[in-house]
N, C-alpha and C. Protein backbone atom coordinates (compact mmCIF):
# COMPACT_ATOMS: atom_id res chain seq x y z
N MET A 1 -4.30 9.33 13.36
CA MET A 1 -3.47 9.14 12.19
C MET A 1 -3.54 10.36 11.27
N LEU A 2 -4.69 10.96 11.15
CA LEU A 2 -4.81 12.13 10.30
C LEU A 2 -3.99 13.30 10.82
N MET A 3 -3.85 13.39 12.12
CA MET A 3 -3.08 14.48 12.72
C MET A 3 -1.58 14.27 12.51
N CYS A 4 -1.14 13.09 12.15
CA CYS A 4 0.28 12.79 11.96
C CYS A 4 0.74 13.06 10.55
N ALA A 5 -0.06 13.66 9.72
CA ALA A 5 0.30 13.95 8.33
C ALA A 5 0.39 15.46 8.12
N PRO A 6 1.40 16.11 8.71
CA PRO A 6 1.45 17.57 8.62
C PRO A 6 1.88 18.11 7.27
N ARG A 7 2.54 17.28 6.45
CA ARG A 7 3.09 17.79 5.20
C ARG A 7 2.59 17.00 3.99
N SER A 8 1.39 16.60 4.00
CA SER A 8 0.86 15.81 2.90
C SER A 8 0.54 16.70 1.71
N VAL A 9 1.07 16.32 0.54
CA VAL A 9 0.82 17.06 -0.68
C VAL A 9 -0.51 16.63 -1.29
N TYR A 10 -0.80 15.33 -1.19
CA TYR A 10 -2.02 14.80 -1.78
C TYR A 10 -3.16 14.85 -0.76
N SER A 11 -4.30 15.24 -1.22
CA SER A 11 -5.43 15.38 -0.31
C SER A 11 -5.97 14.03 0.13
N TRP A 12 -6.57 14.01 1.30
CA TRP A 12 -7.23 12.82 1.83
C TRP A 12 -8.70 12.96 1.46
N ASP A 13 -9.16 12.16 0.54
CA ASP A 13 -10.54 12.23 0.08
C ASP A 13 -11.37 11.27 0.92
N LEU A 14 -11.85 11.75 2.05
CA LEU A 14 -12.58 10.90 2.99
C LEU A 14 -14.05 11.28 3.03
N VAL A 15 -14.86 10.29 3.32
CA VAL A 15 -16.28 10.49 3.53
C VAL A 15 -16.57 10.11 4.98
N ILE A 16 -17.15 11.04 5.72
CA ILE A 16 -17.45 10.80 7.13
C ILE A 16 -18.96 10.78 7.30
N ASN A 17 -19.47 9.66 7.79
CA ASN A 17 -20.91 9.50 8.01
C ASN A 17 -21.17 9.24 9.48
N ARG A 18 -22.27 9.77 9.96
CA ARG A 18 -22.68 9.52 11.34
C ARG A 18 -24.04 8.82 11.30
N GLN A 19 -24.08 7.67 11.95
CA GLN A 19 -25.33 6.93 12.08
C GLN A 19 -25.52 6.62 13.55
N ASP A 20 -26.57 7.14 14.10
CA ASP A 20 -26.84 7.04 15.53
C ASP A 20 -25.65 7.61 16.30
N ASN A 21 -25.03 6.85 17.15
CA ASN A 21 -23.89 7.34 17.93
C ASN A 21 -22.56 6.84 17.39
N LYS A 22 -22.54 6.41 16.15
CA LYS A 22 -21.31 5.88 15.55
C LYS A 22 -20.88 6.76 14.39
N ILE A 23 -19.56 6.93 14.25
CA ILE A 23 -18.99 7.70 13.14
C ILE A 23 -18.22 6.73 12.26
N TYR A 24 -18.50 6.76 10.96
CA TYR A 24 -17.84 5.89 9.99
C TYR A 24 -16.98 6.75 9.08
N ILE A 25 -15.70 6.41 8.97
CA ILE A 25 -14.79 7.10 8.08
C ILE A 25 -14.45 6.15 6.94
N ASP A 26 -14.72 6.60 5.72
CA ASP A 26 -14.50 5.76 4.54
C ASP A 26 -13.83 6.61 3.47
N LYS A 27 -13.28 5.96 2.46
CA LYS A 27 -12.70 6.69 1.34
C LYS A 27 -13.73 6.79 0.22
N ARG A 28 -13.60 7.82 -0.54
CA ARG A 28 -14.50 8.02 -1.68
C ARG A 28 -14.08 7.10 -2.81
N ASP A 29 -15.04 6.54 -3.54
CA ASP A 29 -14.73 5.68 -4.69
C ASP A 29 -13.93 6.46 -5.72
N GLY A 30 -12.86 5.85 -6.22
CA GLY A 30 -12.03 6.49 -7.23
C GLY A 30 -10.98 7.43 -6.66
N SER A 31 -10.83 7.48 -5.33
CA SER A 31 -9.83 8.38 -4.75
C SER A 31 -8.44 7.76 -4.86
N ASN A 32 -7.43 8.57 -4.59
CA ASN A 32 -6.04 8.11 -4.71
C ASN A 32 -5.51 7.50 -3.43
N LEU A 33 -6.33 7.25 -2.44
CA LEU A 33 -5.84 6.71 -1.17
C LEU A 33 -5.25 5.32 -1.32
N ASP A 34 -5.68 4.55 -2.29
CA ASP A 34 -5.15 3.21 -2.50
C ASP A 34 -3.87 3.21 -3.33
N MET A 35 -3.51 4.36 -3.88
CA MET A 35 -2.33 4.46 -4.73
C MET A 35 -1.09 4.77 -3.90
N VAL A 36 0.06 4.34 -4.39
CA VAL A 36 1.33 4.69 -3.77
C VAL A 36 1.64 6.13 -4.15
N THR A 37 2.00 6.96 -3.18
CA THR A 37 2.32 8.34 -3.50
C THR A 37 3.73 8.44 -4.05
N VAL A 38 3.94 9.39 -4.92
CA VAL A 38 5.25 9.58 -5.53
C VAL A 38 5.69 11.03 -5.31
N ASN A 39 6.95 11.20 -4.94
CA ASN A 39 7.57 12.52 -4.83
C ASN A 39 6.86 13.41 -3.80
N GLU A 40 6.20 12.81 -2.82
CA GLU A 40 5.42 13.62 -1.89
C GLU A 40 6.30 14.42 -0.93
N ASN A 41 7.41 13.87 -0.50
CA ASN A 41 8.26 14.55 0.47
C ASN A 41 9.47 15.22 -0.16
N ALA A 42 9.45 15.41 -1.44
CA ALA A 42 10.58 16.05 -2.12
C ALA A 42 10.59 17.54 -1.81
N ALA A 43 11.75 18.15 -1.95
CA ALA A 43 11.87 19.59 -1.70
C ALA A 43 11.01 20.38 -2.68
N GLU A 44 10.92 19.91 -3.90
CA GLU A 44 10.07 20.55 -4.90
C GLU A 44 8.80 19.72 -5.04
N ALA A 45 7.68 20.39 -5.01
CA ALA A 45 6.41 19.68 -5.12
C ALA A 45 6.29 19.03 -6.49
N PRO A 46 5.57 17.90 -6.59
CA PRO A 46 5.39 17.27 -7.90
C PRO A 46 4.61 18.20 -8.83
N MET A 47 4.85 18.02 -10.13
CA MET A 47 4.16 18.90 -11.08
C MET A 47 2.66 18.67 -11.01
N GLU A 48 1.95 19.73 -11.24
CA GLU A 48 0.50 19.66 -11.21
C GLU A 48 -0.03 18.96 -12.45
N THR A 49 -1.10 18.23 -12.29
CA THR A 49 -1.72 17.57 -13.43
C THR A 49 -2.67 18.56 -14.10
N THR A 50 -2.34 18.95 -15.31
CA THR A 50 -3.20 19.84 -16.08
C THR A 50 -3.72 19.06 -17.28
N GLU A 51 -4.53 19.69 -18.05
CA GLU A 51 -5.10 19.02 -19.23
C GLU A 51 -4.00 18.62 -20.21
N SER A 52 -2.93 19.43 -20.32
CA SER A 52 -1.87 19.10 -21.27
C SER A 52 -0.93 18.03 -20.74
N THR A 53 -0.74 17.94 -19.40
CA THR A 53 0.17 16.94 -18.82
C THR A 53 -0.57 15.73 -18.28
N LYS A 54 -1.87 15.70 -18.45
CA LYS A 54 -2.68 14.61 -17.88
C LYS A 54 -2.27 13.24 -18.41
N ASP A 55 -1.95 13.15 -19.68
CA ASP A 55 -1.58 11.87 -20.29
C ASP A 55 -0.07 11.69 -20.41
N ALA A 56 0.72 12.59 -19.82
CA ALA A 56 2.18 12.49 -19.89
C ALA A 56 2.65 11.29 -19.08
N ILE A 57 3.74 10.67 -19.53
CA ILE A 57 4.23 9.46 -18.88
C ILE A 57 4.79 9.75 -17.49
N ASN A 58 5.26 10.97 -17.24
CA ASN A 58 5.80 11.33 -15.94
C ASN A 58 4.87 12.20 -15.11
N SER A 59 3.61 12.20 -15.45
CA SER A 59 2.65 12.95 -14.62
C SER A 59 2.49 12.21 -13.29
N PRO A 60 2.16 12.93 -12.22
CA PRO A 60 1.99 12.27 -10.92
C PRO A 60 0.99 11.11 -10.97
N GLN A 61 -0.09 11.27 -11.70
CA GLN A 61 -1.11 10.21 -11.77
C GLN A 61 -0.55 8.96 -12.45
N ALA A 62 0.21 9.14 -13.54
CA ALA A 62 0.79 7.99 -14.24
C ALA A 62 1.85 7.31 -13.38
N LEU A 63 2.66 8.10 -12.67
CA LEU A 63 3.68 7.52 -11.80
C LEU A 63 3.06 6.79 -10.62
N MET A 64 1.95 7.32 -10.08
CA MET A 64 1.27 6.65 -8.97
C MET A 64 0.70 5.30 -9.42
N MET A 65 0.12 5.27 -10.60
CA MET A 65 -0.43 4.02 -11.12
C MET A 65 0.67 3.01 -11.37
N GLU A 66 1.81 3.47 -11.92
CA GLU A 66 2.92 2.57 -12.19
C GLU A 66 3.52 2.02 -10.89
N ALA A 67 3.72 2.88 -9.89
CA ALA A 67 4.29 2.43 -8.61
C ALA A 67 3.36 1.46 -7.89
N THR A 68 2.07 1.71 -7.95
CA THR A 68 1.10 0.82 -7.31
C THR A 68 1.10 -0.53 -8.00
N ARG A 69 1.15 -0.54 -9.31
CA ARG A 69 1.18 -1.81 -10.06
C ARG A 69 2.46 -2.59 -9.76
N ILE A 70 3.59 -1.91 -9.69
CA ILE A 70 4.86 -2.58 -9.37
C ILE A 70 4.79 -3.19 -7.97
N ASN A 71 4.28 -2.43 -7.00
CA ASN A 71 4.19 -2.95 -5.64
C ASN A 71 3.25 -4.13 -5.54
N TYR A 72 2.29 -4.23 -6.43
CA TYR A 72 1.37 -5.37 -6.44
C TYR A 72 1.98 -6.56 -7.16
N MET A 73 2.63 -6.31 -8.30
CA MET A 73 3.11 -7.41 -9.13
C MET A 73 4.42 -8.02 -8.65
N PHE A 74 5.31 -7.24 -8.05
CA PHE A 74 6.62 -7.75 -7.66
C PHE A 74 6.53 -8.96 -6.72
N PRO A 75 5.76 -8.90 -5.63
CA PRO A 75 5.68 -10.10 -4.77
C PRO A 75 5.07 -11.30 -5.49
N ASN A 76 4.11 -11.06 -6.36
CA ASN A 76 3.49 -12.16 -7.08
C ASN A 76 4.46 -12.84 -8.04
N GLN A 77 5.41 -12.10 -8.58
CA GLN A 77 6.37 -12.67 -9.52
C GLN A 77 7.55 -13.31 -8.82
N THR A 78 7.86 -12.89 -7.61
CA THR A 78 9.04 -13.41 -6.93
C THR A 78 8.76 -14.61 -6.04
N VAL A 79 7.54 -14.75 -5.58
CA VAL A 79 7.21 -15.86 -4.70
C VAL A 79 6.75 -17.03 -5.56
N ILE A 80 7.43 -18.14 -5.43
CA ILE A 80 7.07 -19.34 -6.18
C ILE A 80 6.12 -20.15 -5.32
N GLU A 81 4.95 -20.43 -5.84
CA GLU A 81 3.95 -21.17 -5.08
C GLU A 81 4.01 -22.64 -5.47
N SER A 82 4.81 -23.38 -4.72
CA SER A 82 4.97 -24.79 -5.00
C SER A 82 5.43 -25.49 -3.73
N GLU A 83 4.88 -26.67 -3.47
CA GLU A 83 5.30 -27.42 -2.29
C GLU A 83 6.73 -27.93 -2.43
N THR A 84 7.19 -28.15 -3.66
CA THR A 84 8.55 -28.65 -3.85
C THR A 84 9.59 -27.56 -3.60
N SER A 85 9.18 -26.30 -3.63
CA SER A 85 10.14 -25.22 -3.41
C SER A 85 10.29 -24.88 -1.93
N LYS A 86 9.49 -25.48 -1.07
CA LYS A 86 9.58 -25.22 0.36
C LYS A 86 10.84 -25.88 0.92
N ARG A 87 11.59 -25.10 1.70
CA ARG A 87 12.85 -25.60 2.25
C ARG A 87 12.80 -25.60 3.77
N GLU A 88 13.35 -26.62 4.36
CA GLU A 88 13.51 -26.65 5.80
C GLU A 88 14.81 -25.94 6.15
N MET A 89 14.75 -25.03 7.08
CA MET A 89 15.91 -24.26 7.45
C MET A 89 16.67 -24.94 8.59
N GLN A 90 17.91 -24.56 8.74
CA GLN A 90 18.77 -25.18 9.74
C GLN A 90 18.29 -24.87 11.16
N ASN A 91 17.85 -23.64 11.41
CA ASN A 91 17.37 -23.23 12.73
C ASN A 91 15.85 -23.12 12.73
N PRO A 92 15.20 -23.34 13.87
CA PRO A 92 13.75 -23.21 13.92
C PRO A 92 13.33 -21.74 13.80
N HIS A 93 12.05 -21.53 13.58
CA HIS A 93 11.49 -20.19 13.46
C HIS A 93 11.74 -19.44 14.78
N PRO A 94 12.35 -18.25 14.74
CA PRO A 94 12.72 -17.58 15.99
C PRO A 94 11.54 -17.01 16.78
N PHE A 95 10.40 -16.77 16.16
CA PHE A 95 9.28 -16.15 16.84
C PHE A 95 8.11 -17.10 17.06
N TYR A 96 8.29 -18.37 16.78
CA TYR A 96 7.21 -19.34 16.93
C TYR A 96 7.47 -20.21 18.15
N ASN A 97 6.50 -20.24 19.04
CA ASN A 97 6.60 -21.06 20.23
C ASN A 97 5.43 -22.04 20.21
N PRO A 98 5.66 -23.32 19.88
CA PRO A 98 4.55 -24.28 19.76
C PRO A 98 3.79 -24.47 21.07
N ALA A 99 4.41 -24.20 22.22
CA ALA A 99 3.72 -24.35 23.50
C ALA A 99 2.65 -23.27 23.68
N GLU A 100 2.85 -22.10 23.08
CA GLU A 100 1.91 -21.00 23.24
C GLU A 100 0.96 -20.84 22.06
N GLU A 101 1.35 -21.29 20.89
CA GLU A 101 0.54 -21.08 19.69
C GLU A 101 0.16 -22.41 19.06
N SER A 102 -1.08 -22.51 18.63
CA SER A 102 -1.55 -23.77 18.05
C SER A 102 -1.29 -23.82 16.54
N ASP A 103 -1.34 -22.66 15.87
CA ASP A 103 -1.13 -22.62 14.42
C ASP A 103 0.33 -22.37 14.09
N PRO A 104 0.88 -23.07 13.10
CA PRO A 104 2.26 -22.78 12.70
C PRO A 104 2.33 -21.41 12.01
N PRO A 105 3.51 -20.81 11.94
CA PRO A 105 3.63 -19.50 11.28
C PRO A 105 3.34 -19.62 9.79
N ALA A 106 2.90 -18.53 9.22
CA ALA A 106 2.58 -18.50 7.79
C ALA A 106 3.85 -18.71 6.97
N SER A 107 3.68 -19.34 5.81
CA SER A 107 4.80 -19.63 4.93
C SER A 107 4.56 -18.96 3.59
N LYS A 108 5.63 -18.64 2.88
CA LYS A 108 5.49 -18.05 1.55
C LYS A 108 5.02 -19.05 0.53
N SER A 109 5.26 -20.33 0.77
CA SER A 109 4.87 -21.32 -0.23
C SER A 109 3.51 -21.89 0.05
């Protein structure tokens, strides 16, 4: 997967540990790997975060935090968690075969 990122603007802050014959790849605490990247593949690179633009509303760090929060909050606000909101559809689930699977497919409600 790391070899498939030839044009990454944001660095991969990884920690690689070797214990016995096993290699563990982990992310560093506080790294941006959990954040949604913004403007990474644009023709012009995103502006650099300097001391004067660090708190700007359109700085890459502020936009990453905003995009990550939106991606987290949007599904939580749109999915209604209630048994009364569950609807039976006209056609059965196209990918569920009760003969092969014991558990029913996951539902949004």
